[in-house]
């Protein structure tokens, strides 16, 4: 994912490939969600992409998640920084006003 997906880099004149236009790279194993996670997954997906509710069932769609094992952040010159999944999940998000 990259800040280039937002207006941030354009607003500040950063090239989308510049490290100043921060990128985060996630890797891990994609797994099917379990029965207790399905409703949450449906709500999350269909809230953002309501048209997907009507996609053909015979395509055998299923809900999945990424079990993150590696995280790299490229947000400045000098190479990517490694973040552990444990540190990633510890972060408390601030709500914007």
C-alpha atoms as a PDB file:
ATOM      1  CA  UNK A   1       0.000   0.000   0.000  1.00  0.00           C
ATOM      2  CA  UNK A   2       1.204   3.505  -0.624  1.00  0.00           C
ATOM      3  CA  UNK A   3       0.396   7.090   0.228  1.00  0.00           C
ATOM      4  CA  UNK A   4       0.225   7.496  -3.556  1.00  0.00           C
ATOM      5  CA  UNK A   5      -3.258   5.968  -3.220  1.00  0.00           C
ATOM      6  CA  UNK A   6      -4.309   9.134  -1.385  1.00  0.00           C
ATOM      7  CA  UNK A   7      -3.949  12.839  -2.191  1.00  0.00           C
ATOM      8  CA  UNK A   8      -0.992  13.209   0.225  1.00  0.00           C
ATOM      9  CA  UNK A   9       1.875  12.794  -2.265  1.00  0.00           C
ATOM     10  CA  UNK A  10       0.245  14.921  -4.941  1.00  0.00           C
ATOM     11  CA  UNK A  11      -0.502  17.630  -2.359  1.00  0.00           C
ATOM     12  CA  UNK A  12       3.157  17.810  -1.282  1.00  0.00           C
ATOM     13  CA  UNK A  13       4.654  17.283  -4.755  1.00  0.00           C
ATOM     14  CA  UNK A  14       6.179  13.848  -4.024  1.00  0.00           C
ATOM     15  CA  UNK A  15       6.774  11.464  -6.899  1.00  0.00           C
ATOM     16  CA  UNK A  16       4.710   8.295  -6.259  1.00  0.00           C
ATOM     17  CA  UNK A  17       7.923   6.222  -6.426  1.00  0.00           C
ATOM     18  CA  UNK A  18       9.811   8.430  -3.961  1.00  0.00           C
ATOM     19  CA  UNK A  19      10.457   6.994  -0.492  1.00  0.00           C
ATOM     20  CA  UNK A  20       8.878  10.209   0.841  1.00  0.00           C
ATOM     21  CA  UNK A  21       5.601   8.904  -0.592  1.00  0.00           C
ATOM     22  CA  UNK A  22       5.552   6.139   2.023  1.00  0.00           C
ATOM     23  CA  UNK A  23       4.904   2.496   1.169  1.00  0.00           C
ATOM     24  CA  UNK A  24       4.059  -0.426   3.401  1.00  0.00           C
ATOM     25  CA  UNK A  25       4.553  -3.981   2.212  1.00  0.00           C
ATOM     26  CA  UNK A  26       2.818  -6.875   3.951  1.00  0.00           C
ATOM     27  CA  UNK A  27       3.429 -10.559   3.382  1.00  0.00           C
ATOM     28  CA  UNK A  28       2.014 -13.667   4.958  1.00  0.00           C
ATOM     29  CA  UNK A  29      -0.435 -16.467   4.348  1.00  0.00           C
ATOM     30  CA  UNK A  30      -3.894 -15.895   2.899  1.00  0.00           C
ATOM     31  CA  UNK A  31      -6.426 -18.142   4.637  1.00  0.00           C
ATOM     32  CA  UNK A  32     -10.172 -18.580   4.485  1.00  0.00           C
ATOM     33  CA  UNK A  33     -11.904 -16.876   7.432  1.00  0.00           C
ATOM     34  CA  UNK A  34     -13.558 -19.141   9.990  1.00  0.00           C
ATOM     35  CA  UNK A  35     -17.284 -19.192  10.798  1.00  0.00           C
ATOM     36  CA  UNK A  36     -16.957 -16.680  13.637  1.00  0.00           C
ATOM     37  CA  UNK A  37     -15.265 -14.145  11.303  1.00  0.00           C
ATOM     38  CA  UNK A  38     -17.602 -14.386   8.296  1.00  0.00           C
ATOM     39  CA  UNK A  39     -20.122 -11.723   9.371  1.00  0.00           C
ATOM     40  CA  UNK A  40     -17.365  -9.248  10.192  1.00  0.00           C
ATOM     41  CA  UNK A  41     -15.716  -9.949   6.810  1.00  0.00           C
ATOM     42  CA  UNK A  42     -18.996  -9.506   4.928  1.00  0.00           C
ATOM     43  CA  UNK A  43     -19.742  -6.212   6.659  1.00  0.00           C
ATOM     44  CA  UNK A  44     -16.226  -4.897   6.044  1.00  0.00           C
ATOM     45  CA  UNK A  45     -16.213  -5.858   2.365  1.00  0.00           C
ATOM     46  CA  UNK A  46     -19.780  -4.953   1.442  1.00  0.00           C
ATOM     47  CA  UNK A  47     -19.646  -1.610   3.248  1.00  0.00           C
ATOM     48  CA  UNK A  48     -16.788  -0.567   0.995  1.00  0.00           C
ATOM     49  CA  UNK A  49     -17.895  -2.474  -2.142  1.00  0.00           C
ATOM     50  CA  UNK A  50     -21.705  -2.895  -2.012  1.00  0.00           C
ATOM     51  CA  UNK A  51     -21.873  -4.048  -5.652  1.00  0.00           C
ATOM     52  CA  UNK A  52     -20.068  -7.253  -4.670  1.00  0.00           C
ATOM     53  CA  UNK A  53     -23.195  -8.481  -2.840  1.00  0.00           C
ATOM     54  CA  UNK A  54     -24.687  -9.323  -6.228  1.00  0.00           C
ATOM     55  CA  UNK A  55     -21.685 -11.079  -7.764  1.00  0.00           C
ATOM     56  CA  UNK A  56     -22.560 -14.577  -9.038  1.00  0.00           C
ATOM     57  CA  UNK A  57     -22.492 -17.261  -6.312  1.00  0.00           C
ATOM     58  CA  UNK A  58     -21.498 -19.904  -8.869  1.00  0.00           C
ATOM     59  CA  UNK A  59     -18.033 -18.303  -9.007  1.00  0.00           C
ATOM     60  CA  UNK A  60     -17.453 -19.810  -5.546  1.00  0.00           C
ATOM     61  CA  UNK A  61     -16.235 -16.622  -3.840  1.00  0.00           C
ATOM     62  CA  UNK A  62     -15.094 -16.897  -0.242  1.00  0.00           C
ATOM     63  CA  UNK A  63     -13.856 -14.533   2.448  1.00  0.00           C
ATOM     64  CA  UNK A  64     -10.175 -14.613   3.298  1.00  0.00           C
ATOM     65  CA  UNK A  65      -7.676 -12.755   5.435  1.00  0.00           C
ATOM     66  CA  UNK A  66      -3.939 -12.168   5.402  1.00  0.00           C
ATOM     67  CA  UNK A  67      -2.134 -13.642   8.399  1.00  0.00           C
ATOM     68  CA  UNK A  68       0.760 -11.193   8.406  1.00  0.00           C
ATOM     69  CA  UNK A  69       4.248 -12.576   8.942  1.00  0.00           C
ATOM     70  CA  UNK A  70       6.429  -9.747   7.573  1.00  0.00           C
ATOM     71  CA  UNK A  71       6.035  -5.973   7.351  1.00  0.00           C
ATOM     72  CA  UNK A  72       8.339  -3.492   5.659  1.00  0.00           C
ATOM     73  CA  UNK A  73       7.902   0.290   5.725  1.00  0.00           C
ATOM     74  CA  UNK A  74       9.636   2.474   3.161  1.00  0.00           C
ATOM     75  CA  UNK A  75       9.109   6.064   4.261  1.00  0.00           C
ATOM     76  CA  UNK A  76      12.508   7.738   3.841  1.00  0.00           C
ATOM     77  CA  UNK A  77      15.833   7.277   2.090  1.00  0.00           C
ATOM     78  CA  UNK A  78      18.158   4.525   3.281  1.00  0.00           C
ATOM     79  CA  UNK A  79      16.038   1.439   2.827  1.00  0.00           C
ATOM     80  CA  UNK A  80      12.999  -0.194   4.297  1.00  0.00           C
ATOM     81  CA  UNK A  81      12.403  -0.654   7.999  1.00  0.00           C
ATOM     82  CA  UNK A  82      11.147  -3.960   9.374  1.00  0.00           C
ATOM     83  CA  UNK A  83       8.178  -3.906  11.734  1.00  0.00           C
ATOM     84  CA  UNK A  84       7.136  -7.038  13.607  1.00  0.00           C
ATOM     85  CA  UNK A  85       3.488  -8.078  13.384  1.00  0.00           C
ATOM     86  CA  UNK A  86       3.350  -7.804  17.184  1.00  0.00           C
ATOM     87  CA  UNK A  87       4.418  -4.144  17.084  1.00  0.00           C
ATOM     88  CA  UNK A  88       2.070  -3.484  14.172  1.00  0.00           C
ATOM     89  CA  UNK A  89      -0.955  -4.771  16.088  1.00  0.00           C
ATOM     90  CA  UNK A  90       0.012  -2.886  19.276  1.00  0.00           C
ATOM     91  CA  UNK A  91      -0.466   0.525  17.612  1.00  0.00           C
ATOM     92  CA  UNK A  92      -3.452   2.521  18.820  1.00  0.00           C
ATOM     93  CA  UNK A  93      -5.076   4.471  15.999  1.00  0.00           C
ATOM     94  CA  UNK A  94      -5.931   8.103  16.565  1.00  0.00           C
ATOM     95  CA  UNK A  95      -9.309   9.207  15.324  1.00  0.00           C
ATOM     96  CA  UNK A  96      -9.111  12.223  13.014  1.00  0.00           C
ATOM     97  CA  UNK A  97     -11.301  15.197  13.864  1.00  0.00           C
END
